[in-house]
């Protein structure tokens, strides 16, 4: 089988699709990466994967330049004699499907990893963009052979609007998590003590949130919950994640540096920070399936998150954490307070989260589902 993975970001493919590619290589298939050149582009060769570049202007909305991007993708794949083209995220799904059909690729698979921020607020701009995306997706989903979703809510919505047929829908929850890497056993008590000392939060119960510092992630609610619970001197709220300059939802750095939260900005030691935490929080307004929640659950941390698209795929309310309504700081703080005061509940919920992740979200299980789908669709073409 000859299969290509298409994205606008080499980083996306390298961080989240490499386990699938490696498994396909192990089973004797030929694997290509089709993407613009970035920092990770040349790293695929180490694994025996040929990376093929195409040009794109990511910020462009010029229709002529968008058509040129489709043509560039077509030129990149037309001589590869692919059996399957697998596309990821909105623009690659749309452009890649058109280019794949032009190149006569027999099987095209799209992955929709959440419908995105345009579905959070009903501003005029968001409504217009949603209409455009849905019209394009309706056409694309007719042309593609299967569409993978990472949660249950997005396909239900698109099917209810007549944008996709139920026959095209395949749900594979998340990109998976390496539960061996994100294991409580991989962060020692000594490391936790050292990290807490470095951050000057020794002997504190740590309430952690890891996310881009944008309002849609629920940063405002996290800070307000910290204020509401500031009576607990033994508790420290910690936010890890940088601002997203150019994003209209980005939080101002002045805001991030005030209040009752320790803002650490960007960090690379997420494993250790998650291991250090006692309670994990993500009050996001909408997600695909957030990897940070999978990491926290895999590290046996109790979670408080929102009862919204994507987040509720990872947390069973009352089992491995709590679900609260979006934009509700009081409800958020109430559930965090329960976990602050009940050590045994934190432990049990954390253990339950670890069980859930290893059963449903482990990367090996996710990779297995992808490979089975590829083989199934290839066999159908015979």
Foldseek 3Di string as FASTA:
>chain_A
DEEEEEDQDPVCCVPQVVVLVLVCVVVPYAYEYEYADDPCQVVVVVSVYHYFYFDADVVDPPPVRLVVRLVRLLVRCLPVQAQEYEYEEQSRLLSVLVSCVVSVRPAYEYEYLFPDDLPQDPDPVSVVVVVVSLVSLLVSQVRHQAYEAQFDPVVVVSVVVVSHDPNRYDYAHDSFDALVLLELVVADPVNLQVVCVVVVLPQAAEEEEEDAQFVQQVPVLLLVLLQVPVVPVRYAYEYEEAFDPPDPRTDDPVVVPDGRHHYDYHDDPLSNVLSNHQEYETAHSEGRADVSLLSNLSHLFAYEYAPYYNPVVQDDDPQLYHHHHHPDSVVSSVRVVVSVPDVVSRNRSSVRSSVVRVVRRHNVVSSVVVVVVSVVVSVVVD
